[in-house]
N, C-alpha and C. Protein backbone atom coordinates (compact mmCIF):
# COMPACT_ATOMS: atom_id res chain seq x y z
N ARG A 1 115.64 103.94 72.01
CA ARG A 1 114.74 105.29 71.39
C ARG A 1 113.63 104.61 70.74
N ILE A 2 113.86 103.49 69.73
CA ILE A 2 112.56 102.92 69.11
C ILE A 2 111.98 102.15 69.85
N LEU A 3 112.13 101.21 71.24
CA LEU A 3 111.13 100.83 72.00
C LEU A 3 110.28 101.81 72.53
N MET A 4 110.65 102.95 72.66
CA MET A 4 109.48 104.31 73.31
C MET A 4 108.66 104.50 72.16
N THR A 5 108.58 104.43 71.10
CA THR A 5 107.61 104.56 70.10
C THR A 5 106.65 103.54 70.25
N ILE A 6 106.96 102.24 70.43
CA ILE A 6 106.01 101.26 70.23
C ILE A 6 105.43 100.39 71.50
N ILE A 7 106.10 100.87 72.50
CA ILE A 7 105.90 100.30 73.99
C ILE A 7 105.20 101.54 74.63
N GLY A 8 103.55 100.98 74.81
CA GLY A 8 103.27 101.76 76.03
C GLY A 8 103.39 102.26 77.22
N ASP A 9 102.71 103.54 78.09
CA ASP A 9 103.53 103.35 79.15
C ASP A 9 103.34 102.76 80.24
N ASN A 10 102.50 101.58 80.34
CA ASN A 10 102.28 100.49 81.39
C ASN A 10 102.94 99.32 81.07
N GLN A 11 104.12 99.54 79.87
CA GLN A 11 104.38 98.20 79.54
C GLN A 11 106.07 98.66 80.03
N LEU A 12 106.49 99.47 80.95
CA LEU A 12 107.93 100.05 80.84
C LEU A 12 109.00 99.04 81.99
N ALA A 13 108.38 97.96 82.54
CA ALA A 13 108.76 97.21 83.49
C ALA A 13 110.20 96.75 83.00
N PHE A 14 110.71 96.54 81.85
CA PHE A 14 111.68 95.83 81.83
C PHE A 14 112.90 96.74 80.75
N LEU A 15 112.56 98.11 80.84
CA LEU A 15 113.10 99.33 80.09
C LEU A 15 114.24 99.79 81.25
N LYS A 16 115.37 100.43 80.38
CA LYS A 16 116.29 100.73 80.96
C LYS A 16 116.10 102.36 82.07
N ASP A 17 116.43 101.74 82.98
CA ASP A 17 116.08 103.02 84.16
C ASP A 17 114.95 103.13 84.59
N GLN A 18 113.98 102.17 84.44
CA GLN A 18 112.70 101.81 84.80
C GLN A 18 112.67 101.04 86.36
N GLU A 19 111.93 100.98 87.26
CA GLU A 19 111.94 100.49 88.46
C GLU A 19 110.84 99.80 88.77
N ASN A 20 110.94 98.44 88.84
CA ASN A 20 109.98 97.24 88.68
C ASN A 20 108.98 97.41 89.86
N GLN A 21 109.45 97.93 90.87
CA GLN A 21 108.76 98.13 92.18
C GLN A 21 107.78 99.17 91.50
N ASP A 22 107.87 100.42 91.06
CA ASP A 22 106.99 101.01 90.78
C ASP A 22 105.62 100.22 90.26
N LYS A 23 105.94 99.49 89.42
CA LYS A 23 104.70 98.82 88.73
C LYS A 23 104.09 97.58 89.28
N ILE A 24 104.98 96.99 90.53
CA ILE A 24 104.38 96.22 91.59
C ILE A 24 103.29 96.79 92.26
N ILE A 25 103.74 97.96 92.58
CA ILE A 25 102.72 99.32 93.78
C ILE A 25 101.47 99.43 93.19
N LEU A 26 101.68 99.49 91.64
CA LEU A 26 100.81 100.05 90.57
C LEU A 26 99.77 99.18 90.45
N VAL A 27 100.12 97.51 90.31
CA VAL A 27 98.97 96.85 90.16
C VAL A 27 98.66 96.02 91.50
N ASN A 28 98.96 96.68 92.46
CA ASN A 28 98.48 96.44 93.75
C ASN A 28 97.15 97.47 94.10
N ASP A 29 97.80 98.63 93.64
CA ASP A 29 96.60 99.06 94.01
C ASP A 29 95.38 99.15 93.32
N ILE A 30 95.64 98.91 91.88
CA ILE A 30 94.47 98.41 90.71
C ILE A 30 93.72 97.16 91.57
N ILE A 31 94.69 95.94 91.99
CA ILE A 31 93.56 95.09 92.30
C ILE A 31 92.66 95.24 93.93
N ASP A 32 93.49 95.82 94.63
CA ASP A 32 92.81 96.57 95.75
C ASP A 32 91.66 97.37 95.48
N LYS A 33 91.90 98.04 94.82
CA LYS A 33 90.25 99.00 94.12
C LYS A 33 89.53 98.18 93.38
N LEU A 34 89.57 97.36 92.39
CA LEU A 34 88.88 96.24 92.25
C LEU A 34 88.21 95.22 92.98
N SER A 35 88.76 95.22 94.17
CA SER A 35 88.07 94.36 94.85
C SER A 35 87.47 94.73 96.25
N ARG A 36 87.62 96.23 96.33
CA ARG A 36 86.42 97.07 97.04
C ARG A 36 85.30 97.90 96.22
N SER A 37 85.45 97.34 94.80
CA SER A 37 84.25 97.81 93.91
C SER A 37 83.06 97.14 94.40
N LYS A 38 82.99 96.09 94.72
CA LYS A 38 82.19 95.10 94.79
C LYS A 38 81.33 94.62 93.36
N LYS A 39 82.74 94.48 91.94
CA LYS A 39 82.19 94.24 90.82
C LYS A 39 82.87 92.87 90.70
N ARG A 40 82.07 92.19 89.82
CA ARG A 40 82.89 90.91 89.34
C ARG A 40 84.38 91.00 88.40
N VAL A 41 85.74 90.79 88.90
CA VAL A 41 86.51 90.97 88.48
C VAL A 41 87.26 89.65 88.24
N MET A 42 88.24 89.33 86.57
CA MET A 42 88.91 88.20 86.33
C MET A 42 90.32 89.07 86.35
N HIS A 43 90.87 88.18 86.98
CA HIS A 43 92.57 88.44 87.17
C HIS A 43 93.64 87.39 86.37
N LEU A 44 94.33 87.79 85.31
CA LEU A 44 95.16 86.67 84.90
C LEU A 44 96.41 87.00 84.67
N THR A 45 97.35 85.76 85.29
CA THR A 45 98.66 86.03 85.12
C THR A 45 99.35 85.44 84.17
N LEU A 46 99.84 85.93 83.55
CA LEU A 46 100.86 84.91 82.27
C LEU A 46 102.09 84.75 82.94
N ASP A 47 102.68 83.35 82.49
CA ASP A 47 104.44 83.28 82.71
C ASP A 47 105.13 83.50 81.37
N LEU A 48 105.28 84.68 81.02
CA LEU A 48 106.22 85.47 80.04
C LEU A 48 107.47 84.85 79.90
N SER A 49 108.25 83.96 80.93
CA SER A 49 109.62 83.67 81.01
C SER A 49 110.02 83.28 79.70
N ARG A 50 109.51 82.67 78.89
CA ARG A 50 109.86 82.39 77.76
C ARG A 50 109.73 83.21 76.79
N ALA A 51 109.04 84.26 76.91
CA ALA A 51 108.67 85.05 75.75
C ALA A 51 109.57 85.74 75.20
N TYR A 52 110.91 85.91 75.51
CA TYR A 52 112.11 87.09 75.63
C TYR A 52 113.13 86.11 74.62
N ASN A 53 112.73 84.77 74.72
CA ASN A 53 113.76 83.49 73.92
C ASN A 53 113.44 84.15 72.20
N ARG A 54 112.30 84.82 72.18
CA ARG A 54 111.97 85.04 70.56
C ARG A 54 112.54 86.35 70.07
N VAL A 55 113.01 87.04 71.17
CA VAL A 55 113.05 88.64 70.74
C VAL A 55 114.63 88.67 70.95
N SER A 56 115.18 89.29 69.94
CA SER A 56 116.80 89.76 69.84
C SER A 56 117.19 90.10 70.50
N TRP A 57 117.69 90.01 71.40
CA TRP A 57 118.83 90.29 72.64
C TRP A 57 119.67 91.55 72.27
N ARG A 58 120.34 91.51 71.25
CA ARG A 58 120.79 92.62 70.69
C ARG A 58 119.84 93.80 70.47
N PHE A 59 118.66 93.60 69.76
CA PHE A 59 117.65 94.78 69.86
C PHE A 59 117.00 95.23 70.88
N LEU A 60 117.14 94.79 72.03
CA LEU A 60 116.47 95.24 73.51
C LEU A 60 117.78 96.04 73.68
N GLN A 61 118.65 95.34 73.92
CA GLN A 61 120.28 96.24 74.56
C GLN A 61 120.15 97.68 73.61
N GLU A 62 120.13 97.38 72.74
CA GLU A 62 120.05 98.93 72.01
C GLU A 62 119.52 99.72 72.42
């Protein structure tokens, strides 16, 4: 409940009852649209695999 007040709509990939597949499709659609726009675009991918080591698992599970 608390998380929903501090996490934006575009950051729901790891919350309960959220489908990761939907987020992957959204990102692919955005990349495709930007690729066809003829504008210069920069895409940045971050490896956040260790980011969750700093977050309380108890907090996330609540």
